[in-house]
Amino acid sequence: MTNAMSLPVGTPQGADDEMRELLLGAIPALRAFAFSLTYDLDRSDDLVQDTLVRAWTKADSFTRGTNLTAWLFTILRNLFYSEQRKRKREVEDADGALAGRLTSLPEQEIRVEMREFQEALNDLPFSQREALVLVGAQNFTYEEAAEICGVAVGTMKSRVSRARGRLIESLGMNGTDEIGADAFTRAALGPPPG
């Protein structure tokens, strides 16, 4: 995917060339997190763009020297929830008919495994899936993930633990030693961060 994201023209107070570079450098992580929330490339790119615009215009509220990625993830997450509240009136694909028409049969074993993993991940409650993506795939510490989600560290640890347990069970594994070659799966089901 090309880096077609851009920042608004003009420099608000607190925004400078250094902030611009930091924001642009965070795009890959923002895209991954947005996609884990939306499962839609176009929608996730829109969410990332909105996050970058919000961060750029509110750059003066960011405290230099703190975790920029956590700040950006918090903005993205808040935008996502705002968007979800607006979308509640839209037609949902409750029976999966629309989603079923968009799938194709995998051509390789790794695709089958990834699809099974993605389905198991989708079946997790949102709070557990979000926690697992932040800690397992994005490598945030429990403390950083808890701050992003606005919950206690113990709650975050519990969500990650329950999510990992449910994924292992859903995938018919006996434990993390059966994890395949896929990096996302290894990260999600692997040991908790140090």
N, C-alpha and C. Protein backbone atom coordinates (compact mmCIF):
# COMPACT_ATOMS: atom_id res chain seq x y z
N MET A 1 0.85 -1.17 0.00
CA MET A 1 0.00 0.00 0.00
C MET A 1 0.89 1.23 0.00
N THR A 2 0.60 2.19 -0.83
CA THR A 2 1.43 3.38 -0.92
C THR A 2 1.09 4.34 0.19
N ASN A 3 2.02 5.21 0.49
CA ASN A 3 1.83 6.18 1.55
C ASN A 3 1.22 7.44 0.95
N ALA A 4 -0.08 7.42 0.68
CA ALA A 4 -0.77 8.54 0.07
C ALA A 4 -1.32 9.50 1.11
N MET A 5 -1.11 9.21 2.39
CA MET A 5 -1.61 10.07 3.44
C MET A 5 -0.84 11.38 3.42
N SER A 6 -1.52 12.46 3.78
CA SER A 6 -0.85 13.75 3.87
C SER A 6 -1.43 14.54 5.01
N LEU A 7 -0.72 15.55 5.39
CA LEU A 7 -1.16 16.43 6.46
C LEU A 7 -1.68 17.72 5.87
N PRO A 8 -2.57 18.41 6.59
CA PRO A 8 -3.12 19.66 6.08
C PRO A 8 -2.04 20.71 5.88
N VAL A 9 -2.31 21.60 4.95
CA VAL A 9 -1.39 22.71 4.70
C VAL A 9 -1.54 23.72 5.84
N GLY A 10 -0.44 24.38 6.18
CA GLY A 10 -0.48 25.34 7.29
C GLY A 10 0.06 24.69 8.54
N THR A 11 0.55 25.50 9.44
CA THR A 11 1.15 24.98 10.66
C THR A 11 0.45 25.54 11.88
N PRO A 12 -0.40 24.73 12.53
CA PRO A 12 -1.02 25.20 13.76
C PRO A 12 0.02 25.29 14.87
N GLN A 13 -0.35 25.99 15.94
CA GLN A 13 0.57 26.11 17.06
C GLN A 13 0.89 24.72 17.59
N GLY A 14 2.17 24.43 17.83
CA GLY A 14 2.59 23.13 18.33
C GLY A 14 2.99 22.16 17.24
N ALA A 15 2.59 22.43 16.00
CA ALA A 15 2.94 21.56 14.88
C ALA A 15 4.16 22.16 14.18
N ASP A 16 5.12 21.32 13.86
CA ASP A 16 6.33 21.77 13.18
C ASP A 16 6.84 20.62 12.33
N ASP A 17 7.99 20.81 11.71
CA ASP A 17 8.55 19.77 10.85
C ASP A 17 8.80 18.48 11.60
N GLU A 18 9.26 18.58 12.85
CA GLU A 18 9.50 17.37 13.64
C GLU A 18 8.20 16.62 13.88
N MET A 19 7.13 17.34 14.24
CA MET A 19 5.84 16.71 14.48
C MET A 19 5.33 16.09 13.18
N ARG A 20 5.52 16.77 12.08
CA ARG A 20 5.10 16.24 10.78
C ARG A 20 5.77 14.90 10.50
N GLU A 21 7.08 14.83 10.72
CA GLU A 21 7.82 13.59 10.49
C GLU A 21 7.36 12.48 11.43
N LEU A 22 7.11 12.83 12.69
CA LEU A 22 6.64 11.84 13.65
C LEU A 22 5.28 11.28 13.25
N LEU A 23 4.39 12.17 12.82
CA LEU A 23 3.05 11.74 12.40
C LEU A 23 3.13 10.85 11.17
N LEU A 24 3.92 11.27 10.19
CA LEU A 24 4.05 10.45 8.98
C LEU A 24 4.68 9.10 9.29
N GLY A 25 5.61 9.06 10.23
CA GLY A 25 6.24 7.80 10.61
C GLY A 25 5.29 6.84 11.33
N ALA A 26 4.24 7.38 11.91
CA ALA A 26 3.28 6.56 12.65
C ALA A 26 2.21 5.95 11.75
N ILE A 27 2.17 6.32 10.49
CA ILE A 27 1.10 5.86 9.60
C ILE A 27 0.98 4.34 9.52
N PRO A 28 2.07 3.58 9.36
CA PRO A 28 1.90 2.12 9.28
C PRO A 28 1.22 1.52 10.52
N ALA A 29 1.62 1.96 11.70
CA ALA A 29 0.99 1.44 12.92
C ALA A 29 -0.47 1.88 13.01
N LEU A 30 -0.75 3.12 12.62
CA LEU A 30 -2.13 3.61 12.63
C LEU A 30 -3.00 2.81 11.66
N ARG A 31 -2.46 2.52 10.48
CA ARG A 31 -3.22 1.74 9.50
C ARG A 31 -3.55 0.34 10.02
N ALA A 32 -2.55 -0.28 10.65
CA ALA A 32 -2.77 -1.63 11.18
C ALA A 32 -3.83 -1.61 12.27
N PHE A 33 -3.76 -0.63 13.17
CA PHE A 33 -4.74 -0.54 14.25
C PHE A 33 -6.12 -0.22 13.69
N ALA A 34 -6.19 0.71 12.76
CA ALA A 34 -7.49 1.07 12.17
C ALA A 34 -8.11 -0.13 11.46
N PHE A 35 -7.29 -0.89 10.74
CA PHE A 35 -7.83 -2.06 10.04
C PHE A 35 -8.31 -3.11 11.03
N SER A 36 -7.61 -3.24 12.17
CA SER A 36 -8.05 -4.22 13.17
C SER A 36 -9.40 -3.84 13.77
N LEU A 37 -9.76 -2.57 13.69
CA LEU A 37 -11.05 -2.11 14.19
C LEU A 37 -12.14 -2.20 13.13
N THR A 38 -11.78 -1.88 11.88
CA THR A 38 -12.80 -1.76 10.83
C THR A 38 -12.89 -2.94 9.89
N TYR A 39 -11.78 -3.65 9.64
CA TYR A 39 -11.70 -4.73 8.65
C TYR A 39 -12.09 -4.24 7.26
N ASP A 40 -11.84 -2.98 6.99
CA ASP A 40 -12.16 -2.37 5.72
C ASP A 40 -11.03 -1.40 5.38
N LEU A 41 -10.32 -1.66 4.28
CA LEU A 41 -9.15 -0.84 3.93
C LEU A 41 -9.51 0.63 3.70
N ASP A 42 -10.57 0.88 2.94
CA ASP A 42 -10.95 2.26 2.67
C ASP A 42 -11.36 2.99 3.94
N ARG A 43 -12.17 2.31 4.74
CA ARG A 43 -12.64 2.92 5.98
C ARG A 43 -11.48 3.15 6.94
N SER A 44 -10.55 2.19 7.00
CA SER A 44 -9.42 2.36 7.91
C SER A 44 -8.51 3.49 7.43
N ASP A 45 -8.32 3.64 6.12
CA ASP A 45 -7.52 4.75 5.61
C ASP A 45 -8.18 6.09 5.92
N ASP A 46 -9.50 6.15 5.80
CA ASP A 46 -10.22 7.38 6.17
C ASP A 46 -10.03 7.69 7.65
N LEU A 47 -10.08 6.66 8.48
CA LEU A 47 -9.91 6.83 9.91
C LEU A 47 -8.50 7.33 10.23
N VAL A 48 -7.50 6.79 9.54
CA VAL A 48 -6.12 7.23 9.74
C VAL A 48 -5.98 8.69 9.30
N GLN A 49 -6.55 9.02 8.16
CA GLN A 49 -6.47 10.41 7.67
C GLN A 49 -7.12 11.36 8.66
N ASP A 50 -8.29 11.01 9.17
CA ASP A 50 -8.96 11.85 10.17
C ASP A 50 -8.12 11.98 11.44
N THR A 51 -7.46 10.90 11.82
CA THR A 51 -6.59 10.92 13.00
C THR A 51 -5.42 11.87 12.79
N LEU A 52 -4.80 11.79 11.62
CA LEU A 52 -3.66 12.66 11.32
C LEU A 52 -4.08 14.13 11.30
N VAL A 53 -5.22 14.42 10.72
CA VAL A 53 -5.72 15.80 10.68
C VAL A 53 -5.99 16.30 12.10
N ARG A 54 -6.64 15.47 12.89
CA ARG A 54 -6.94 15.86 14.28
C ARG A 54 -5.65 16.07 15.06
N ALA A 55 -4.69 15.16 14.90
CA ALA A 55 -3.42 15.29 15.62
C ALA A 55 -2.67 16.54 15.17
N TRP A 56 -2.69 16.82 13.89
CA TRP A 56 -1.98 17.98 13.35
C TRP A 56 -2.59 19.27 13.90
N THR A 57 -3.90 19.34 13.90
CA THR A 57 -4.56 20.56 14.36
C THR A 57 -4.52 20.70 15.88
N LYS A 58 -4.34 19.61 16.58
CA LYS A 58 -4.28 19.63 18.05
C LYS A 58 -2.87 19.34 18.56
N ALA A 59 -1.87 19.57 17.72
CA ALA A 59 -0.48 19.25 18.08
C ALA A 59 -0.03 19.94 19.35
N ASP A 60 -0.59 21.12 19.64
CA ASP A 60 -0.19 21.83 20.84
C ASP A 60 -0.65 21.12 22.12
N SER A 61 -1.60 20.17 22.00
CA SER A 61 -2.05 19.44 23.19
C SER A 61 -1.20 18.20 23.46
N PHE A 62 -0.30 17.87 22.54
CA PHE A 62 0.60 16.73 22.75
C PHE A 62 1.82 17.17 23.54
N THR A 63 2.16 16.43 24.58
CA THR A 63 3.32 16.72 25.40
C THR A 63 4.53 16.01 24.81
N ARG A 64 5.46 16.79 24.30
CA ARG A 64 6.68 16.22 23.71
C ARG A 64 7.39 15.35 24.74
N GLY A 65 7.92 14.25 24.27
CA GLY A 65 8.64 13.33 25.14
C GLY A 65 7.76 12.21 25.67
N THR A 66 6.44 12.32 25.47
CA THR A 66 5.55 11.23 25.86
C THR A 66 5.32 10.34 24.65
N ASN A 67 4.53 9.29 24.81
CA ASN A 67 4.32 8.30 23.76
C ASN A 67 3.37 8.82 22.69
N LEU A 68 3.93 9.25 21.57
CA LEU A 68 3.14 9.79 20.47
C LEU A 68 2.18 8.74 19.91
N THR A 69 2.67 7.51 19.76
CA THR A 69 1.82 6.46 19.18
C THR A 69 0.60 6.20 20.05
N ALA A 70 0.78 6.17 21.35
CA ALA A 70 -0.36 5.98 22.25
C ALA A 70 -1.35 7.14 22.12
N TRP A 71 -0.84 8.36 22.01
CA TRP A 71 -1.69 9.52 21.83
C TRP A 71 -2.49 9.40 20.53
N LEU A 72 -1.80 9.01 19.45
CA LEU A 72 -2.47 8.86 18.16
C LEU A 72 -3.50 7.73 18.19
N PHE A 73 -3.15 6.61 18.84
CA PHE A 73 -4.09 5.50 18.94
C PHE A 73 -5.33 5.90 19.72
N THR A 74 -5.16 6.73 20.74
CA THR A 74 -6.30 7.22 21.51
C THR A 74 -7.20 8.08 20.63
N ILE A 75 -6.60 8.96 19.85
CA ILE A 75 -7.39 9.79 18.93
C ILE A 75 -8.13 8.90 17.94
N LEU A 76 -7.42 7.94 17.34
CA LEU A 76 -8.02 7.04 16.35
C LEU A 76 -9.17 6.26 16.97
N ARG A 77 -8.94 5.73 18.15
CA ARG A 77 -9.97 4.94 18.83
C ARG A 77 -11.20 5.79 19.12
N ASN A 78 -11.00 7.01 19.58
CA ASN A 78 -12.13 7.91 19.86
C ASN A 78 -12.89 8.24 18.58
N LEU A 79 -12.17 8.48 17.49
CA LEU A 79 -12.83 8.74 16.21
C LEU A 79 -13.63 7.53 15.76
N PHE A 80 -13.05 6.34 15.95
CA PHE A 80 -13.74 5.11 15.57
C PHE A 80 -15.05 4.97 16.34
N TYR A 81 -15.01 5.18 17.66
CA TYR A 81 -16.23 5.07 18.45
C TYR A 81 -17.26 6.12 18.05
N SER A 82 -16.82 7.32 17.75
CA SER A 82 -17.76 8.35 17.28
C SER A 82 -18.41 7.93 15.98
N GLU A 83 -17.60 7.37 15.08
CA GLU A 83 -18.12 6.90 13.81
C GLU A 83 -19.11 5.75 14.03
N GLN A 84 -18.80 4.86 14.95
CA GLN A 84 -19.69 3.72 15.24
C GLN A 84 -21.04 4.20 15.74
N ARG A 85 -21.02 5.20 16.59
CA ARG A 85 -22.30 5.73 17.09
C ARG A 85 -23.14 6.29 15.95
N LYS A 86 -22.49 6.93 14.98
CA LYS A 86 -23.21 7.48 13.83
C LYS A 86 -23.73 6.37 12.92
N ARG A 87 -22.98 5.28 12.82
CA ARG A 87 -23.35 4.19 11.91
C ARG A 87 -24.44 3.27 12.46
N LYS A 88 -24.82 3.43 13.70
CA LYS A 88 -25.81 2.53 14.30
C LYS A 88 -27.12 2.53 13.52
N ARG A 89 -27.40 3.62 12.82
CA ARG A 89 -28.64 3.70 12.06
C ARG A 89 -28.54 3.06 10.69
N GLU A 90 -27.33 2.67 10.30
CA GLU A 90 -27.13 2.06 8.98
C GLU A 90 -27.52 0.58 9.01
N VAL A 91 -27.78 0.04 7.84
CA VAL A 91 -28.13 -1.37 7.71
C VAL A 91 -26.91 -2.22 8.01
N GLU A 92 -27.10 -3.22 8.87
CA GLU A 92 -26.01 -4.11 9.21
C GLU A 92 -26.14 -5.42 8.45
N ASP A 93 -25.05 -6.12 8.33
CA ASP A 93 -25.01 -7.43 7.66
C ASP A 93 -25.09 -8.52 8.72
N ALA A 94 -26.24 -8.56 9.42
CA ALA A 94 -26.40 -9.44 10.57
C ALA A 94 -26.23 -10.92 10.23
N ASP A 95 -26.75 -11.34 9.09
CA ASP A 95 -26.66 -12.77 8.75
C ASP A 95 -25.39 -13.10 7.98
N GLY A 96 -24.57 -12.11 7.70
CA GLY A 96 -23.30 -12.34 7.01
C GLY A 96 -23.44 -12.59 5.53
N ALA A 97 -24.60 -12.32 4.95
CA ALA A 97 -24.82 -12.57 3.52
C ALA A 97 -23.89 -11.73 2.65
N LEU A 98 -23.78 -10.45 2.97
CA LEU A 98 -22.88 -9.59 2.19
C LEU A 98 -21.43 -10.02 2.35
N ALA A 99 -21.03 -10.28 3.57
CA ALA A 99 -19.65 -10.70 3.82
C ALA A 99 -19.36 -12.04 3.15
N GLY A 100 -20.33 -12.92 3.13
CA GLY A 100 -20.15 -14.23 2.51
C GLY A 100 -19.88 -14.14 1.02
N ARG A 101 -20.46 -13.16 0.37
CA ARG A 101 -20.24 -12.98 -1.07
C ARG A 101 -18.86 -12.39 -1.37
N LEU A 102 -18.23 -11.79 -0.38
CA LEU A 102 -16.95 -11.15 -0.59
C LEU A 102 -15.75 -12.07 -0.35
N THR A 103 -16.00 -13.26 0.15
CA THR A 103 -14.90 -14.17 0.45
C THR A 103 -14.54 -15.01 -0.77
N SER A 104 -13.32 -15.48 -0.77
CA SER A 104 -12.87 -16.40 -1.82
C SER A 104 -12.12 -17.54 -1.15
N LEU A 105 -12.09 -18.66 -1.82
CA LEU A 105 -11.41 -19.81 -1.25
C LEU A 105 -9.90 -19.58 -1.25
N PRO A 106 -9.24 -19.92 -0.14
CA PRO A 106 -7.80 -19.72 -0.07
C PRO A 106 -7.06 -20.67 -1.00
N GLU A 107 -5.92 -20.20 -1.49
CA GLU A 107 -5.14 -20.99 -2.42
C GLU A 107 -4.01 -21.74 -1.73
N GLN A 108 -3.64 -21.33 -0.54
CA GLN A 108 -2.54 -21.96 0.16
C GLN A 108 -2.93 -22.22 1.60
N GLU A 109 -2.19 -23.12 2.23
CA GLU A 109 -2.47 -23.48 3.61
C GLU A 109 -2.39 -22.29 4.55
N ILE A 110 -1.40 -21.42 4.35
CA ILE A 110 -1.25 -20.26 5.23
C ILE A 110 -2.46 -19.34 5.14
N ARG A 111 -3.06 -19.26 3.96
CA ARG A 111 -4.27 -18.43 3.82
C ARG A 111 -5.43 -19.05 4.59
N VAL A 112 -5.51 -20.36 4.57
CA VAL A 112 -6.56 -21.04 5.32
C VAL A 112 -6.37 -20.77 6.81
N GLU A 113 -5.13 -20.93 7.27
CA GLU A 113 -4.85 -20.68 8.69
C GLU A 113 -5.12 -19.24 9.07
N MET A 114 -4.74 -18.31 8.20
CA MET A 114 -4.97 -16.90 8.49
C MET A 114 -6.47 -16.59 8.53
N ARG A 115 -7.20 -17.18 7.61
CA ARG A 115 -8.65 -16.97 7.58
C ARG A 115 -9.29 -17.52 8.86
N GLU A 116 -8.86 -18.71 9.27
CA GLU A 116 -9.39 -19.29 10.51
C GLU A 116 -9.06 -18.41 11.70
N PHE A 117 -7.83 -17.90 11.71
CA PHE A 117 -7.42 -17.02 12.80
C PHE A 117 -8.27 -15.75 12.78
N GLN A 118 -8.45 -15.16 11.60
CA GLN A 118 -9.22 -13.92 11.48
C GLN A 118 -10.67 -14.14 11.95
N GLU A 119 -11.25 -15.27 11.57
CA GLU A 119 -12.62 -15.57 12.01
C GLU A 119 -12.69 -15.73 13.52
N ALA A 120 -11.70 -16.43 14.09
CA ALA A 120 -11.67 -16.59 15.55
C ALA A 120 -11.48 -15.25 16.23
N LEU A 121 -10.63 -14.41 15.66
CA LEU A 121 -10.41 -13.07 16.21
C LEU A 121 -11.70 -12.25 16.12
N ASN A 122 -12.40 -12.35 15.01
CA ASN A 122 -13.66 -11.60 14.83
C ASN A 122 -14.72 -12.04 15.83
N ASP A 123 -14.66 -13.31 16.26
CA ASP A 123 -15.65 -13.82 17.20
C ASP A 123 -15.42 -13.35 18.63
N LEU A 124 -14.25 -12.81 18.90
CA LEU A 124 -13.97 -12.30 20.24
C LEU A 124 -14.83 -11.07 20.52
N PRO A 125 -15.18 -10.86 21.78
CA PRO A 125 -15.84 -9.59 22.11
C PRO A 125 -14.91 -8.43 21.73
N PHE A 126 -15.49 -7.32 21.33
CA PHE A 126 -14.70 -6.19 20.84
C PHE A 126 -13.61 -5.78 21.82
N SER A 127 -13.92 -5.70 23.10
CA SER A 127 -12.93 -5.23 24.08
C SER A 127 -11.74 -6.18 24.15
N GLN A 128 -11.99 -7.49 24.03
CA GLN A 128 -10.89 -8.46 24.05
C GLN A 128 -10.07 -8.39 22.76
N ARG A 129 -10.75 -8.25 21.63
CA ARG A 129 -10.05 -8.15 20.35
C ARG A 129 -9.17 -6.90 20.32
N GLU A 130 -9.72 -5.80 20.77
CA GLU A 130 -8.97 -4.54 20.80
C GLU A 130 -7.74 -4.67 21.70
N ALA A 131 -7.92 -5.25 22.88
CA ALA A 131 -6.81 -5.43 23.81
C ALA A 131 -5.73 -6.32 23.21
N LEU A 132 -6.14 -7.40 22.57
CA LEU A 132 -5.18 -8.33 21.98
C LEU A 132 -4.40 -7.69 20.84
N VAL A 133 -5.07 -6.90 20.03
CA VAL A 133 -4.39 -6.22 18.92
C VAL A 133 -3.39 -5.20 19.46
N LEU A 134 -3.77 -4.45 20.45
CA LEU A 134 -2.87 -3.44 21.00
C LEU A 134 -1.63 -4.08 21.65
N VAL A 135 -1.85 -5.10 22.46
CA VAL A 135 -0.74 -5.72 23.19
C VAL A 135 0.00 -6.75 22.34
N GLY A 136 -0.76 -7.59 21.65
CA GLY A 136 -0.14 -8.68 20.90
C GLY A 136 0.44 -8.27 19.56
N ALA A 137 -0.31 -7.50 18.81
CA ALA A 137 0.12 -7.17 17.45
C ALA A 137 0.85 -5.83 17.37
N GLN A 138 0.45 -4.87 18.17
CA GLN A 138 1.07 -3.55 18.12
C GLN A 138 2.19 -3.38 19.15
N ASN A 139 2.37 -4.38 20.00
CA ASN A 139 3.45 -4.40 21.00
C ASN A 139 3.41 -3.26 22.00
N PHE A 140 2.22 -2.78 22.32
CA PHE A 140 2.10 -1.83 23.41
C PHE A 140 2.23 -2.58 24.72
N THR A 141 2.75 -1.93 25.74
CA THR A 141 2.76 -2.54 27.07
C THR A 141 1.32 -2.55 27.57
N TYR A 142 1.09 -3.34 28.61
CA TYR A 142 -0.24 -3.36 29.20
C TYR A 142 -0.62 -1.96 29.69
N GLU A 143 0.33 -1.25 30.24
CA GLU A 143 0.07 0.09 30.76
C GLU A 143 -0.34 1.05 29.64
N GLU A 144 0.38 1.00 28.52
CA GLU A 144 0.05 1.87 27.39
C GLU A 144 -1.31 1.50 26.79
N ALA A 145 -1.56 0.22 26.65
CA ALA A 145 -2.85 -0.22 26.09
C ALA A 145 -3.99 0.16 27.02
N ALA A 146 -3.78 0.03 28.32
CA ALA A 146 -4.81 0.41 29.28
C ALA A 146 -5.11 1.90 29.18
N GLU A 147 -4.06 2.71 29.01
CA GLU A 147 -4.26 4.16 28.87
C GLU A 147 -5.03 4.48 27.59
N ILE A 148 -4.69 3.82 26.50
CA ILE A 148 -5.38 4.05 25.23
C ILE A 148 -6.87 3.73 25.37
N CYS A 149 -7.17 2.63 26.05
CA CYS A 149 -8.57 2.18 26.18
C CYS A 149 -9.29 2.80 27.37
N GLY A 150 -8.56 3.50 28.22
CA GLY A 150 -9.19 4.14 29.37
C GLY A 150 -9.65 3.14 30.43
N VAL A 151 -8.88 2.07 30.63
CA VAL A 151 -9.22 1.06 31.64
C VAL A 151 -8.02 0.84 32.55
N ALA A 152 -8.24 0.09 33.62
CA ALA A 152 -7.16 -0.24 34.55
C ALA A 152 -6.22 -1.27 33.90
N VAL A 153 -4.98 -1.28 34.33
CA VAL A 153 -3.99 -2.21 33.80
C VAL A 153 -4.44 -3.65 34.02
N GLY A 154 -4.97 -3.94 35.19
CA GLY A 154 -5.47 -5.29 35.48
C GLY A 154 -6.57 -5.71 34.53
N THR A 155 -7.43 -4.78 34.18
CA THR A 155 -8.50 -5.07 33.21
C THR A 155 -7.91 -5.41 31.86
N MET A 156 -6.88 -4.66 31.46
CA MET A 156 -6.23 -4.93 30.17
C MET A 156 -5.58 -6.31 30.18
N LYS A 157 -4.88 -6.64 31.24
CA LYS A 157 -4.24 -7.96 31.35
C LYS A 157 -5.28 -9.07 31.27
N SER A 158 -6.39 -8.87 31.96
CA SER A 158 -7.46 -9.86 31.96
C SER A 158 -8.05 -10.04 30.57
N ARG A 159 -8.29 -8.92 29.87
CA ARG A 159 -8.85 -9.00 28.51
C ARG A 159 -7.91 -9.74 27.56
N VAL A 160 -6.62 -9.44 27.65
CA VAL A 160 -5.64 -10.10 26.78
C VAL A 160 -5.58 -11.59 27.10
N SER A 161 -5.55 -11.92 28.37
CA SER A 161 -5.47 -13.33 28.78
C SER A 161 -6.70 -14.10 28.30
N ARG A 162 -7.88 -13.53 28.52
CA ARG A 162 -9.11 -14.20 28.08
C ARG A 162 -9.16 -14.32 26.56
N ALA A 163 -8.71 -13.28 25.87
CA ALA A 163 -8.72 -13.32 24.40
C ALA A 163 -7.78 -14.41 23.89
N ARG A 164 -6.59 -14.48 24.45
CA ARG A 164 -5.63 -15.51 24.03
C ARG A 164 -6.19 -16.90 24.29
N GLY A 165 -6.77 -17.08 25.46
CA GLY A 165 -7.36 -18.38 25.80
C GLY A 165 -8.47 -18.77 24.84
N ARG A 166 -9.35 -17.81 24.52
CA ARG A 166 -10.45 -18.11 23.60
C ARG A 166 -9.94 -18.40 22.19
N LEU A 167 -8.91 -17.67 21.75
CA LEU A 167 -8.36 -17.93 20.42
C LEU A 167 -7.74 -19.33 20.35
N ILE A 168 -6.96 -19.68 21.36
CA ILE A 168 -6.33 -21.00 21.38
C ILE A 168 -7.40 -22.09 21.34
N GLU A 169 -8.45 -21.90 22.13
CA GLU A 169 -9.54 -22.87 22.15
C GLU A 169 -10.28 -22.91 20.81
N SER A 170 -10.60 -21.74 20.26
CA SER A 170 -11.32 -21.66 18.98
C SER A 170 -10.55 -22.31 17.84
N LEU A 171 -9.23 -22.18 17.88
CA LEU A 171 -8.40 -22.72 16.81
C LEU A 171 -8.04 -24.18 17.05
N GLY A 172 -8.54 -24.77 18.14
CA GLY A 172 -8.30 -26.17 18.42
C GLY A 172 -6.86 -26.47 18.79
N MET A 173 -6.20 -25.50 19.38
CA MET A 173 -4.80 -25.68 19.78
C MET A 173 -4.73 -26.13 21.23
N ASN A 174 -3.62 -26.77 21.55
CA ASN A 174 -3.38 -27.16 22.93
C ASN A 174 -2.62 -26.08 23.68
N GLY A 175 -1.99 -25.18 22.95
CA GLY A 175 -1.21 -24.11 23.56
C GLY A 175 -0.50 -23.33 22.49
N THR A 176 0.31 -22.37 22.90
CA THR A 176 0.98 -21.49 21.95
C THR A 176 2.09 -22.18 21.17
N ASP A 177 2.49 -23.40 21.57
CA ASP A 177 3.54 -24.10 20.84
C ASP A 177 3.08 -24.58 19.47
N GLU A 178 1.77 -24.53 19.20
CA GLU A 178 1.24 -24.95 17.91
C GLU A 178 1.02 -23.78 16.96
N ILE A 179 1.49 -22.61 17.32
CA ILE A 179 1.28 -21.40 16.52
C ILE A 179 2.02 -21.53 15.19
N GLY A 180 1.34 -21.11 14.11
CA GLY A 180 1.92 -21.20 12.77
C GLY A 180 2.94 -20.11 12.49
N ALA A 181 3.30 -20.00 11.22
CA ALA A 181 4.37 -19.10 10.80
C ALA A 181 3.93 -17.64 10.70
N ASP A 182 2.65 -17.39 10.69
CA ASP A 182 2.14 -16.03 10.53
C ASP A 182 2.53 -15.15 11.72
N ALA A 183 3.19 -14.04 11.44
CA ALA A 183 3.72 -13.16 12.49
C ALA A 183 2.60 -12.59 13.37
N PHE A 184 1.46 -12.23 12.77
CA PHE A 184 0.36 -11.66 13.55
C PHE A 184 -0.17 -12.70 14.52
N THR A 185 -0.33 -13.93 14.06
CA THR A 185 -0.82 -15.00 14.92
C THR A 185 0.16 -15.25 16.06
N ARG A 186 1.46 -15.31 15.74
CA ARG A 186 2.48 -15.52 16.77
C ARG A 186 2.42 -14.41 17.81
N ALA A 187 2.30 -13.18 17.36
CA ALA A 187 2.26 -12.05 18.29
C ALA A 187 1.01 -12.10 19.15
N ALA A 188 -0.13 -12.39 18.55
CA ALA A 188 -1.39 -12.39 19.28
C ALA A 188 -1.47 -13.51 20.30
N LEU A 189 -0.96 -14.69 19.93
CA LEU A 189 -1.08 -15.83 20.82
C LEU A 189 0.17 -16.09 21.65
N GLY A 190 1.22 -15.33 21.37
CA GLY A 190 2.48 -15.54 22.05
C GLY A 190 2.45 -15.06 23.49
N PRO A 191 3.61 -15.13 24.17
CA PRO A 191 3.67 -14.72 25.57
C PRO A 191 3.42 -13.23 25.72
N PRO A 192 2.88 -12.82 26.87
CA PRO A 192 2.63 -11.40 27.10
C PRO A 192 3.92 -10.60 27.09
N PRO A 193 3.82 -9.30 26.77
CA PRO A 193 5.02 -8.46 26.74
C PRO A 193 5.65 -8.36 28.12
N GLY A 194 6.97 -8.21 28.12
CA GLY A 194 7.76 -8.16 29.34
C GLY A 194 7.43 -7.10 30.23
